[in-house]
Amino acid sequence: WIYGPSTIRSGEDLESPWLAEFIEGCKVTLLEFGHTNTRRVKIYCDSTRLFGWMSTTSESGIPLLVRTTTMTCPRQHPLKLLIEKSCGLCDQCGRLIDPDDQVMD
C-alpha cells in the first residue's frame, strides 16, 4: 500500500500528464519497474481502477510504498521490498533474489 501522499502520472517520465493523487493507505499492485528511472514503478489501484506510474521514494529518500504481504528468499527468509530493477541479496543468507520473480502488492 501507499505509505504517503503520491502523485500518479500516465507515464514513467516525471513530466508525463498528472492522473491522480493517492493518499496514504491506498492499496496498489506493482506491475512493472521503470526502464529509465529505477525509482518509478507502474501500479494498478483496484479501488479506483487506475493504472499509472509513481515513485517508490520521495526526492529525500522517504519510502512511498510498503509491502503488505511477506516475501521469502529460496531458503524461506523474510525479505524487505526490493525496489531496484537489478538483482538483490537476501538480508539473512546472502542468496541472489531476482525482483522480476517477485509478486508485489
PDB file of N, CA and C in Angstrom:
ATOM      1  N   TRP A   1       0.830  -1.184   0.000  1.00  0.00           N
ATOM      2  CA  TRP A   1       0.000   0.000   0.000  1.00  0.00           C
ATOM      3  C   TRP A   1       0.868   1.239   0.000  1.00  0.00           C
ATOM      4  N   ILE A   2       0.245   2.329  -0.286  1.00  0.00           N
ATOM      5  CA  ILE A   2       0.978   3.594  -0.375  1.00  0.00           C
ATOM      6  C   ILE A   2       1.183   4.147   1.024  1.00  0.00           C
ATOM      7  N   TYR A   3       2.426   4.491   1.317  1.00  0.00           N
ATOM      8  CA  TYR A   3       2.835   4.932   2.648  1.00  0.00           C
ATOM      9  C   TYR A   3       2.644   6.430   2.866  1.00  0.00           C
ATOM     10  N   GLY A   4       2.651   7.205   1.819  1.00  0.00           N
ATOM     11  CA  GLY A   4       2.481   8.650   1.939  1.00  0.00           C
ATOM     12  C   GLY A   4       1.796   9.192   0.705  1.00  0.00           C
ATOM     13  N   PRO A   5       1.385  10.447   0.709  1.00  0.00           N
ATOM     14  CA  PRO A   5       0.736  11.020  -0.481  1.00  0.00           C
ATOM     15  C   PRO A   5       1.623  10.846  -1.712  1.00  0.00           C
ATOM     16  N   SER A   6       1.019  10.412  -2.815  1.00  0.00           N
ATOM     17  CA  SER A   6       1.785  10.121  -4.030  1.00  0.00           C
ATOM     18  C   SER A   6       1.075  10.632  -5.265  1.00  0.00           C
ATOM     19  N   THR A   7       1.853  11.234  -6.153  1.00  0.00           N
ATOM     20  CA  THR A   7       1.331  11.679  -7.441  1.00  0.00           C
ATOM     21  C   THR A   7       1.391  10.514  -8.419  1.00  0.00           C
ATOM     22  N   ILE A   8       0.283  10.268  -9.095  1.00  0.00           N
ATOM     23  CA  ILE A   8       0.207   9.221 -10.098  1.00  0.00           C
ATOM     24  C   ILE A   8       0.189   9.895 -11.467  1.00  0.00           C
ATOM     25  N   ARG A   9       1.076   9.436 -12.347  1.00  0.00           N
ATOM     26  CA  ARG A   9       1.192  10.013 -13.690  1.00  0.00           C
ATOM     27  C   ARG A   9       0.934   8.951 -14.751  1.00  0.00           C
ATOM     28  N   SER A  10       0.656   9.404 -15.969  1.00  0.00           N
ATOM     29  CA  SER A  10       0.301   8.487 -17.046  1.00  0.00           C
ATOM     30  C   SER A  10       1.486   7.712 -17.597  1.00  0.00           C
ATOM     31  N   GLY A  11       2.698   8.219 -17.404  1.00  0.00           N
ATOM     32  CA  GLY A  11       3.887   7.556 -17.926  1.00  0.00           C
ATOM     33  C   GLY A  11       5.007   7.525 -16.915  1.00  0.00           C
ATOM     34  N   GLU A  12       6.056   6.829 -17.260  1.00  0.00           N
ATOM     35  CA  GLU A  12       7.217   6.721 -16.380  1.00  0.00           C
ATOM     36  C   GLU A  12       7.903   8.067 -16.156  1.00  0.00           C
ATOM     37  N   ASP A  13       7.919   8.913 -17.164  1.00  0.00           N
ATOM     38  CA  ASP A  13       8.574  10.217 -17.083  1.00  0.00           C
ATOM     39  C   ASP A  13       7.888  11.095 -16.039  1.00  0.00           C
ATOM     40  N   LEU A  14       8.683  11.770 -15.230  1.00  0.00           N
ATOM     41  CA  LEU A  14       8.146  12.653 -14.180  1.00  0.00           C
ATOM     42  C   LEU A  14       7.367  13.840 -14.752  1.00  0.00           C
ATOM     43  N   GLU A  15       7.550  14.125 -16.036  1.00  0.00           N
ATOM     44  CA  GLU A  15       6.832  15.220 -16.689  1.00  0.00           C
ATOM     45  C   GLU A  15       5.591  14.734 -17.447  1.00  0.00           C
ATOM     46  N   SER A  16       5.282  13.434 -17.374  1.00  0.00           N
ATOM     47  CA  SER A  16       4.097  12.918 -18.068  1.00  0.00           C
ATOM     48  C   SER A  16       2.835  13.473 -17.395  1.00  0.00           C
ATOM     49  N   PRO A  17       1.699  13.441 -18.084  1.00  0.00           N
ATOM     50  CA  PRO A  17       0.470  14.039 -17.544  1.00  0.00           C
ATOM     51  C   PRO A  17       0.047  13.456 -16.195  1.00  0.00           C
ATOM     52  N   TRP A  18      -0.418  14.352 -15.331  1.00  0.00           N
ATOM     53  CA  TRP A  18      -0.918  14.003 -13.999  1.00  0.00           C
ATOM     54  C   TRP A  18      -2.231  13.251 -14.133  1.00  0.00           C
ATOM     55  N   LEU A  19      -2.405  12.178 -13.341  1.00  0.00           N
ATOM     56  CA  LEU A  19      -3.660  11.431 -13.327  1.00  0.00           C
ATOM     57  C   LEU A  19      -4.420  11.587 -12.008  1.00  0.00           C
ATOM     58  N   ALA A  20      -3.686  11.486 -10.889  1.00  0.00           N
ATOM     59  CA  ALA A  20      -4.354  11.493  -9.583  1.00  0.00           C
ATOM     60  C   ALA A  20      -3.340  11.707  -8.474  1.00  0.00           C
ATOM     61  N   GLU A  21      -3.861  11.964  -7.289  1.00  0.00           N
ATOM     62  CA  GLU A  21      -3.068  11.976  -6.061  1.00  0.00           C
ATOM     63  C   GLU A  21      -3.649  10.875  -5.176  1.00  0.00           C
ATOM     64  N   PHE A  22      -2.821   9.923  -4.779  1.00  0.00           N
ATOM     65  CA  PHE A  22      -3.275   8.863  -3.876  1.00  0.00           C
ATOM     66  C   PHE A  22      -2.839   9.202  -2.461  1.00  0.00           C
ATOM     67  N   ILE A  23      -3.690   8.919  -1.503  1.00  0.00           N
ATOM     68  CA  ILE A  23      -3.385   9.185  -0.098  1.00  0.00           C
ATOM     69  C   ILE A  23      -2.775   7.944   0.541  1.00  0.00           C
ATOM     70  N   GLU A  24      -2.200   8.140   1.704  1.00  0.00           N
ATOM     71  CA  GLU A  24      -1.629   7.029   2.458  1.00  0.00           C
ATOM     72  C   GLU A  24      -2.704   5.977   2.721  1.00  0.00           C
ATOM     73  N   GLY A  25      -2.328   4.720   2.563  1.00  0.00           N
ATOM     74  CA  GLY A  25      -3.241   3.613   2.830  1.00  0.00           C
ATOM     75  C   GLY A  25      -3.915   3.045   1.599  1.00  0.00           C
ATOM     76  N   CYS A  26      -3.776   3.693   0.462  1.00  0.00           N
ATOM     77  CA  CYS A  26      -4.359   3.192  -0.781  1.00  0.00           C
ATOM     78  C   CYS A  26      -3.594   1.934  -1.197  1.00  0.00           C
ATOM     79  N   LYS A  27      -4.294   0.821  -1.409  1.00  0.00           N
ATOM     80  CA  LYS A  27      -3.637  -0.423  -1.790  1.00  0.00           C
ATOM     81  C   LYS A  27      -3.457  -0.466  -3.304  1.00  0.00           C
ATOM     82  N   VAL A  28      -2.227  -0.768  -3.719  1.00  0.00           N
ATOM     83  CA  VAL A  28      -1.905  -0.842  -5.143  1.00  0.00           C
ATOM     84  C   VAL A  28      -1.148  -2.142  -5.418  1.00  0.00           C
ATOM     85  N   THR A  29      -1.160  -2.553  -6.672  1.00  0.00           N
ATOM     86  CA  THR A  29      -0.378  -3.706  -7.127  1.00  0.00           C
ATOM     87  C   THR A  29       0.734  -3.196  -8.026  1.00  0.00           C
ATOM     88  N   LEU A  30       1.955  -3.598  -7.725  1.00  0.00           N
ATOM     89  CA  LEU A  30       3.094  -3.190  -8.533  1.00  0.00           C
ATOM     90  C   LEU A  30       3.129  -4.063  -9.783  1.00  0.00           C
ATOM     91  N   LEU A  31       3.139  -3.432 -10.953  1.00  0.00           N
ATOM     92  CA  LEU A  31       3.106  -4.149 -12.225  1.00  0.00           C
ATOM     93  C   LEU A  31       4.442  -4.196 -12.941  1.00  0.00           C
ATOM     94  N   GLU A  32       5.246  -3.145 -12.776  1.00  0.00           N
ATOM     95  CA  GLU A  32       6.453  -3.031 -13.594  1.00  0.00           C
ATOM     96  C   GLU A  32       7.409  -2.023 -12.973  1.00  0.00           C
ATOM     97  N   PHE A  33       8.706  -2.284 -13.106  1.00  0.00           N
ATOM     98  CA  PHE A  33       9.723  -1.325 -12.698  1.00  0.00           C
ATOM     99  C   PHE A  33      10.019  -0.397 -13.860  1.00  0.00           C
ATOM    100  N   GLY A  34      10.413   0.836 -13.570  1.00  0.00           N
ATOM    101  CA  GLY A  34      10.767   1.795 -14.605  1.00  0.00           C
ATOM    102  C   GLY A  34      11.963   1.327 -15.418  1.00  0.00           C
ATOM    103  N   HIS A  35      11.964   1.681 -16.693  1.00  0.00           N
ATOM    104  CA  HIS A  35      13.066   1.305 -17.573  1.00  0.00           C
ATOM    105  C   HIS A  35      14.163   2.362 -17.571  1.00  0.00           C
ATOM    106  N   THR A  36      13.796   3.635 -17.399  1.00  0.00           N
ATOM    107  CA  THR A  36      14.796   4.706 -17.405  1.00  0.00           C
ATOM    108  C   THR A  36      15.025   5.293 -16.017  1.00  0.00           C
ATOM    109  N   ASN A  37      14.132   5.049 -15.089  1.00  0.00           N
ATOM    110  CA  ASN A  37      14.246   5.585 -13.730  1.00  0.00           C
ATOM    111  C   ASN A  37      13.836   4.479 -12.760  1.00  0.00           C
ATOM    112  N   THR A  38      14.813   3.915 -12.024  1.00  0.00           N
ATOM    113  CA  THR A  38      14.526   2.788 -11.133  1.00  0.00           C
ATOM    114  C   THR A  38      13.680   3.171  -9.924  1.00  0.00           C
ATOM    115  N   ARG A  39      13.498   4.470  -9.676  1.00  0.00           N
ATOM    116  CA  ARG A  39      12.605   4.911  -8.594  1.00  0.00           C
ATOM    117  C   ARG A  39      11.138   4.899  -9.026  1.00  0.00           C
ATOM    118  N   ARG A  40      10.867   4.659 -10.299  1.00  0.00           N
ATOM    119  CA  ARG A  40       9.500   4.712 -10.821  1.00  0.00           C
ATOM    120  C   ARG A  40       8.950   3.303 -11.010  1.00  0.00           C
ATOM    121  N   VAL A  41       7.676   3.124 -10.683  1.00  0.00           N
ATOM    122  CA  VAL A  41       7.000   1.846 -10.873  1.00  0.00           C
ATOM    123  C   VAL A  41       5.609   2.078 -11.451  1.00  0.00           C
ATOM    124  N   LYS A  42       5.177   1.119 -12.263  1.00  0.00           N
ATOM    125  CA  LYS A  42       3.817   1.157 -12.783  1.00  0.00           C
ATOM    126  C   LYS A  42       2.951   0.406 -11.784  1.00  0.00           C
ATOM    127  N   ILE A  43       1.806   0.992 -11.441  1.00  0.00           N
ATOM    128  CA  ILE A  43       0.934   0.402 -10.430  1.00  0.00           C
ATOM    129  C   ILE A  43      -0.502   0.326 -10.950  1.00  0.00           C
ATOM    130  N   TYR A  44      -1.306  -0.472 -10.252  1.00  0.00           N
ATOM    131  CA  TYR A  44      -2.741  -0.545 -10.505  1.00  0.00           C
ATOM    132  C   TYR A  44      -3.437  -0.452  -9.154  1.00  0.00           C
ATOM    133  N   CYS A  45      -4.445   0.400  -9.084  1.00  0.00           N
ATOM    134  CA  CYS A  45      -5.241   0.538  -7.869  1.00  0.00           C
ATOM    135  C   CYS A  45      -6.628  -0.033  -8.151  1.00  0.00           C
ATOM    136  N   ASP A  46      -6.974  -1.126  -7.481  1.00  0.00           N
ATOM    137  CA  ASP A  46      -8.248  -1.794  -7.714  1.00  0.00           C
ATOM    138  C   ASP A  46      -9.435  -0.916  -7.329  1.00  0.00           C
ATOM    139  N   SER A  47      -9.310  -0.155  -6.245  1.00  0.00           N
ATOM    140  CA  SER A  47     -10.454   0.644  -5.782  1.00  0.00           C
ATOM    141  C   SER A  47     -10.806   1.781  -6.744  1.00  0.00           C
ATOM    142  N   THR A  48      -9.815   2.297  -7.473  1.00  0.00           N
ATOM    143  CA  THR A  48     -10.083   3.378  -8.427  1.00  0.00           C
ATOM    144  C   THR A  48     -10.038   2.883  -9.878  1.00  0.00           C
ATOM    145  N   ARG A  49      -9.584   1.635 -10.067  1.00  0.00           N
ATOM    146  CA  ARG A  49      -9.389   1.043 -11.408  1.00  0.00           C
ATOM    147  C   ARG A  49      -8.453   1.900 -12.275  1.00  0.00           C
ATOM    148  N   LEU A  50      -7.433   2.434 -11.633  1.00  0.00           N
ATOM    149  CA  LEU A  50      -6.500   3.328 -12.304  1.00  0.00           C
ATOM    150  C   LEU A  50      -5.134   2.666 -12.452  1.00  0.00           C
ATOM    151  N   PHE A  51      -4.592   2.699 -13.668  1.00  0.00           N
ATOM    152  CA  PHE A  51      -3.212   2.325 -13.938  1.00  0.00           C
ATOM    153  C   PHE A  51      -2.408   3.611 -14.016  1.00  0.00           C
ATOM    154  N   GLY A  52      -1.193   3.609 -13.475  1.00  0.00           N
ATOM    155  CA  GLY A  52      -0.356   4.796 -13.569  1.00  0.00           C
ATOM    156  C   GLY A  52       1.040   4.519 -13.055  1.00  0.00           C
ATOM    157  N   TRP A  53       1.844   5.573 -13.057  1.00  0.00           N
ATOM    158  CA  TRP A  53       3.233   5.487 -12.618  1.00  0.00           C
ATOM    159  C   TRP A  53       3.442   6.373 -11.401  1.00  0.00           C
ATOM    160  N   MET A  54       4.244   5.878 -10.440  1.00  0.00           N
ATOM    161  CA  MET A  54       4.575   6.646  -9.246  1.00  0.00           C
ATOM    162  C   MET A  54       6.019   6.360  -8.850  1.00  0.00           C
ATOM    163  N   SER A  55       6.543   7.182  -7.946  1.00  0.00           N
ATOM    164  CA  SER A  55       7.884   6.974  -7.416  1.00  0.00           C
ATOM    165  C   SER A  55       7.815   6.064  -6.203  1.00  0.00           C
ATOM    166  N   THR A  56       8.847   5.245  -6.014  1.00  0.00           N
ATOM    167  CA  THR A  56       8.899   4.361  -4.853  1.00  0.00           C
ATOM    168  C   THR A  56       9.378   5.099  -3.606  1.00  0.00           C
ATOM    169  N   THR A  57      10.103   6.210  -3.809  1.00  0.00           N
ATOM    170  CA  THR A  57      10.576   7.027  -2.692  1.00  0.00           C
ATOM    171  C   THR A  57      10.393   8.499  -3.050  1.00  0.00           C
ATOM    172  N   SER A  58      10.332   9.324  -2.023  1.00  0.00           N
ATOM    173  CA  SER A  58      10.277  10.766  -2.251  1.00  0.00           C
ATOM    174  C   SER A  58      11.664  11.247  -2.694  1.00  0.00           C
ATOM    175  N   GLU A  59      11.752  12.491  -3.105  1.00  0.00           N
ATOM    176  CA  GLU A  59      13.049  13.049  -3.516  1.00  0.00           C
ATOM    177  C   GLU A  59      14.073  12.986  -2.387  1.00  0.00           C
ATOM    178  N   SER A  60      13.601  13.038  -1.135  1.00  0.00           N
ATOM    179  CA  SER A  60      14.511  12.978   0.009  1.00  0.00           C
ATOM    180  C   SER A  60      14.765  11.545   0.485  1.00  0.00           C
ATOM    181  N   GLY A  61      14.238  10.538  -0.242  1.00  0.00           N
ATOM    182  CA  GLY A  61      14.524   9.147   0.095  1.00  0.00           C
ATOM    183  C   GLY A  61      13.512   8.449   0.987  1.00  0.00           C
ATOM    184  N   ILE A  62      12.418   9.118   1.325  1.00  0.00           N
ATOM    185  CA  ILE A  62      11.396   8.505   2.180  1.00  0.00           C
ATOM    186  C   ILE A  62      10.577   7.513   1.352  1.00  0.00           C
ATOM    187  N   PRO A  63      10.436   6.245   1.808  1.00  0.00           N
ATOM    188  CA  PRO A  63       9.658   5.256   1.056  1.00  0.00           C
ATOM    189  C   PRO A  63       8.197   5.672   0.899  1.00  0.00           C
ATOM    190  N   LEU A  64       7.663   5.459  -0.310  1.00  0.00           N
ATOM    191  CA  LEU A  64       6.260   5.765  -0.585  1.00  0.00           C
ATOM    192  C   LEU A  64       5.417   4.508  -0.760  1.00  0.00           C
ATOM    193  N   LEU A  65       6.055   3.344  -0.783  1.00  0.00           N
ATOM    194  CA  LEU A  65       5.353   2.067  -0.905  1.00  0.00           C
ATOM    195  C   LEU A  65       5.761   1.154   0.237  1.00  0.00           C
ATOM    196  N   VAL A  66       4.803   0.391   0.748  1.00  0.00           N
ATOM    197  CA  VAL A  66       5.064  -0.575   1.810  1.00  0.00           C
ATOM    198  C   VAL A  66       4.443  -1.902   1.393  1.00  0.00           C
ATOM    199  N   ARG A  67       5.180  -2.984   1.571  1.00  0.00           N
ATOM    200  CA  ARG A  67       4.673  -4.313   1.243  1.00  0.00           C
ATOM    201  C   ARG A  67       3.617  -4.742   2.263  1.00  0.00           C
ATOM    202  N   THR A  68       2.558  -5.365   1.753  1.00  0.00           N
ATOM    203  CA  THR A  68       1.509  -5.842   2.650  1.00  0.00           C
ATOM    204  C   THR A  68       1.523  -7.352   2.802  1.00  0.00           C
ATOM    205  N   THR A  69       2.312  -8.045   1.997  1.00  0.00           N
ATOM    206  CA  THR A  69       2.442  -9.494   2.137  1.00  0.00           C
ATOM    207  C   THR A  69       3.917  -9.825   2.312  1.00  0.00           C
ATOM    208  N   THR A  70       4.194 -10.914   2.995  1.00  0.00           N
ATOM    209  CA  THR A  70       5.563 -11.318   3.245  1.00  0.00           C
ATOM    210  C   THR A  70       6.107 -12.076   2.051  1.00  0.00           C
ATOM    211  N   MET A  71       7.336 -11.760   1.662  1.00  0.00           N
ATOM    212  CA  MET A  71       8.041 -12.493   0.621  1.00  0.00           C
ATOM    213  C   MET A  71       9.189 -13.227   1.274  1.00  0.00           C
ATOM    214  N   THR A  72       9.605 -14.318   0.642  1.00  0.00           N
ATOM    215  CA  THR A  72      10.726 -15.063   1.185  1.00  0.00           C
ATOM    216  C   THR A  72      11.735 -15.360   0.087  1.00  0.00           C
ATOM    217  N   CYS A  73      12.994 -15.565   0.493  1.00  0.00           N
ATOM    218  CA  CYS A  73      14.028 -15.996  -0.437  1.00  0.00           C
ATOM    219  C   CYS A  73      13.870 -17.509  -0.626  1.00  0.00           C
ATOM    220  N   PRO A  74      14.679 -18.139  -1.491  1.00  0.00           N
ATOM    221  CA  PRO A  74      14.549 -19.589  -1.676  1.00  0.00           C
ATOM    222  C   PRO A  74      14.729 -20.409  -0.397  1.00  0.00           C
ATOM    223  N   ARG A  75      15.376 -19.828   0.609  1.00  0.00           N
ATOM    224  CA  ARG A  75      15.544 -20.527   1.902  1.00  0.00           C
ATOM    225  C   ARG A  75      14.477 -20.116   2.917  1.00  0.00           C
ATOM    226  N   GLN A  76      13.455 -19.424   2.449  1.00  0.00           N
ATOM    227  CA  GLN A  76      12.293 -19.024   3.256  1.00  0.00           C
ATOM    228  C   GLN A  76      12.575 -17.950   4.299  1.00  0.00           C
ATOM    229  N   HIS A  77      13.632 -17.142   4.115  1.00  0.00           N
ATOM    230  CA  HIS A  77      13.875 -15.990   4.986  1.00  0.00           C
ATOM    231  C   HIS A  77      12.967 -14.850   4.547  1.00  0.00           C
ATOM    232  N   PRO A  78      12.347 -14.126   5.483  1.00  0.00           N
ATOM    233  CA  PRO A  78      11.539 -12.969   5.092  1.00  0.00           C
ATOM    234  C   PRO A  78      12.410 -11.901   4.433  1.00  0.00           C
ATOM    235  N   LEU A  79      11.866 -11.230   3.410  1.00  0.00           N
ATOM    236  CA  LEU A  79      12.631 -10.223   2.666  1.00  0.00           C
ATOM    237  C   LEU A  79      12.019  -8.847   2.813  1.00  0.00           C
ATOM    238  N   LYS A  80      12.861  -7.856   2.676  1.00  0.00           N
ATOM    239  CA  LYS A  80      12.403  -6.477   2.554  1.00  0.00           C
ATOM    240  C   LYS A  80      12.050  -6.235   1.095  1.00  0.00           C
ATOM    241  N   LEU A  81      11.279  -5.200   0.823  1.00  0.00           N
ATOM    242  CA  LEU A  81      10.913  -4.841  -0.543  1.00  0.00           C
ATOM    243  C   LEU A  81      12.151  -4.498  -1.354  1.00  0.00           C
ATOM    244  N   LEU A  82      12.279  -5.129  -2.515  1.00  0.00           N
ATOM    245  CA  LEU A  82      13.354  -4.776  -3.443  1.00  0.00           C
ATOM    246  C   LEU A  82      12.795  -3.769  -4.418  1.00  0.00           C
ATOM    247  N   ILE A  83      13.331  -2.548  -4.425  1.00  0.00           N
ATOM    248  CA  ILE A  83      12.761  -1.518  -5.284  1.00  0.00           C
ATOM    249  C   ILE A  83      13.657  -1.224  -6.480  1.00  0.00           C
ATOM    250  N   GLU A  84      14.754  -1.955  -6.605  1.00  0.00           N
ATOM    251  CA  GLU A  84      15.638  -1.731  -7.730  1.00  0.00           C
ATOM    252  C   GLU A  84      15.412  -2.809  -8.781  1.00  0.00           C
ATOM    253  N   LYS A  85      15.592  -2.455 -10.030  1.00  0.00           N
ATOM    254  CA  LYS A  85      15.401  -3.398 -11.121  1.00  0.00           C
ATOM    255  C   LYS A  85      16.467  -4.491 -11.126  1.00  0.00           C
ATOM    256  N   SER A  86      17.663  -4.155 -10.682  1.00  0.00           N
ATOM    257  CA  SER A  86      18.730  -5.151 -10.664  1.00  0.00           C
ATOM    258  C   SER A  86      18.476  -6.175  -9.554  1.00  0.00           C
ATOM    259  N   CYS A  87      19.205  -7.275  -9.597  1.00  0.00           N
ATOM    260  CA  CYS A  87      19.044  -8.322  -8.584  1.00  0.00           C
ATOM    261  C   CYS A  87      19.496  -7.820  -7.224  1.00  0.00           C
ATOM    262  N   GLY A  88      18.995  -8.456  -6.165  1.00  0.00           N
ATOM    263  CA  GLY A  88      19.366  -8.097  -4.809  1.00  0.00           C
ATOM    264  C   GLY A  88      19.765  -9.338  -4.038  1.00  0.00           C
ATOM    265  N   LEU A  89      20.168  -9.158  -2.800  1.00  0.00           N
ATOM    266  CA  LEU A  89      20.583 -10.260  -1.950  1.00  0.00           C
ATOM    267  C   LEU A  89      19.656 -10.374  -0.748  1.00  0.00           C
ATOM    268  N   CYS A  90      19.430 -11.612  -0.305  1.00  0.00           N
ATOM    269  CA  CYS A  90      18.669 -11.845   0.912  1.00  0.00           C
ATOM    270  C   CYS A  90      19.445 -11.242   2.076  1.00  0.00           C
ATOM    271  N   ASP A  91      18.751 -10.544   2.971  1.00  0.00           N
ATOM    272  CA  ASP A  91      19.404  -9.915   4.119  1.00  0.00           C
ATOM    273  C   ASP A  91      20.014 -10.942   5.074  1.00  0.00           C
ATOM    274  N   GLN A  92      19.455 -12.171   5.110  1.00  0.00           N
ATOM    275  CA  GLN A  92      19.900 -13.150   6.092  1.00  0.00           C
ATOM    276  C   GLN A  92      20.914 -14.163   5.567  1.00  0.00           C
ATOM    277  N   CYS A  93      20.717 -14.656   4.327  1.00  0.00           N
ATOM    278  CA  CYS A  93      21.620 -15.706   3.843  1.00  0.00           C
ATOM    279  C   CYS A  93      22.478 -15.271   2.667  1.00  0.00           C
ATOM    280  N   GLY A  94      22.222 -14.097   2.101  1.00  0.00           N
ATOM    281  CA  GLY A  94      23.030 -13.596   1.000  1.00  0.00           C
ATOM    282  C   GLY A  94      22.707 -14.192  -0.353  1.00  0.00           C
ATOM    283  N   ARG A  95      21.648 -15.000  -0.449  1.00  0.00           N
ATOM    284  CA  ARG A  95      21.274 -15.589  -1.744  1.00  0.00           C
ATOM    285  C   ARG A  95      20.757 -14.523  -2.683  1.00  0.00           C
ATOM    286  N   LEU A  96      21.037 -14.697  -3.967  1.00  0.00           N
ATOM    287  CA  LEU A  96      20.612 -13.771  -5.003  1.00  0.00           C
ATOM    288  C   LEU A  96      19.102 -13.883  -5.229  1.00  0.00           C
ATOM    289  N   ILE A  97      18.418 -12.725  -5.233  1.00  0.00           N
ATOM    290  CA  ILE A  97      16.979 -12.670  -5.453  1.00  0.00           C
ATOM    291  C   ILE A  97      16.738 -11.795  -6.675  1.00  0.00           C
ATOM    292  N   ASP A  98      15.948 -12.264  -7.624  1.00  0.00           N
ATOM    293  CA  ASP A  98      15.619 -11.513  -8.834  1.00  0.00           C
ATOM    294  C   ASP A  98      14.275 -10.835  -8.634  1.00  0.00           C
ATOM    295  N   PRO A  99      14.213  -9.485  -8.620  1.00  0.00           N
ATOM    296  CA  PRO A  99      12.935  -8.786  -8.402  1.00  0.00           C
ATOM    297  C   PRO A  99      11.878  -9.146  -9.439  1.00  0.00           C
ATOM    298  N   ASP A 100      12.264  -9.571 -10.651  1.00  0.00           N
ATOM    299  CA  ASP A 100      11.286  -9.946 -11.662  1.00  0.00           C
ATOM    300  C   ASP A 100      10.520 -11.200 -11.273  1.00  0.00           C
ATOM    301  N   ASP A 101      11.059 -11.990 -10.339  1.00  0.00           N
ATOM    302  CA  ASP A 101      10.387 -13.196  -9.888  1.00  0.00           C
ATOM    303  C   ASP A 101       9.481 -12.954  -8.689  1.00  0.00           C
ATOM    304  N   GLN A 102       9.434 -11.711  -8.201  1.00  0.00           N
ATOM    305  CA  GLN A 102       8.665 -11.409  -7.009  1.00  0.00           C
ATOM    306  C   GLN A 102       7.297 -10.876  -7.367  1.00  0.00           C
ATOM    307  N   VAL A 103       6.320 -11.245  -6.548  1.00  0.00           N
ATOM    308  CA  VAL A 103       4.973 -10.703  -6.690  1.00  0.00           C
ATOM    309  C   VAL A 103       4.831  -9.640  -5.625  1.00  0.00           C
ATOM    310  N   MET A 104       4.430  -8.438  -6.026  1.00  0.00           N
ATOM    311  CA  MET A 104       4.343  -7.331  -5.077  1.00  0.00           C
ATOM    312  C   MET A 104       2.943  -6.762  -5.055  1.00  0.00           C
ATOM    313  N   ASP A 105       2.407  -6.536  -3.862  1.00  0.00           N
ATOM    314  CA  ASP A 105       1.115  -5.877  -3.731  1.00  0.00           C
ATOM    315  C   ASP A 105       1.373  -4.479  -3.234  1.00  0.00           C
TER     316      ASP A 105
END
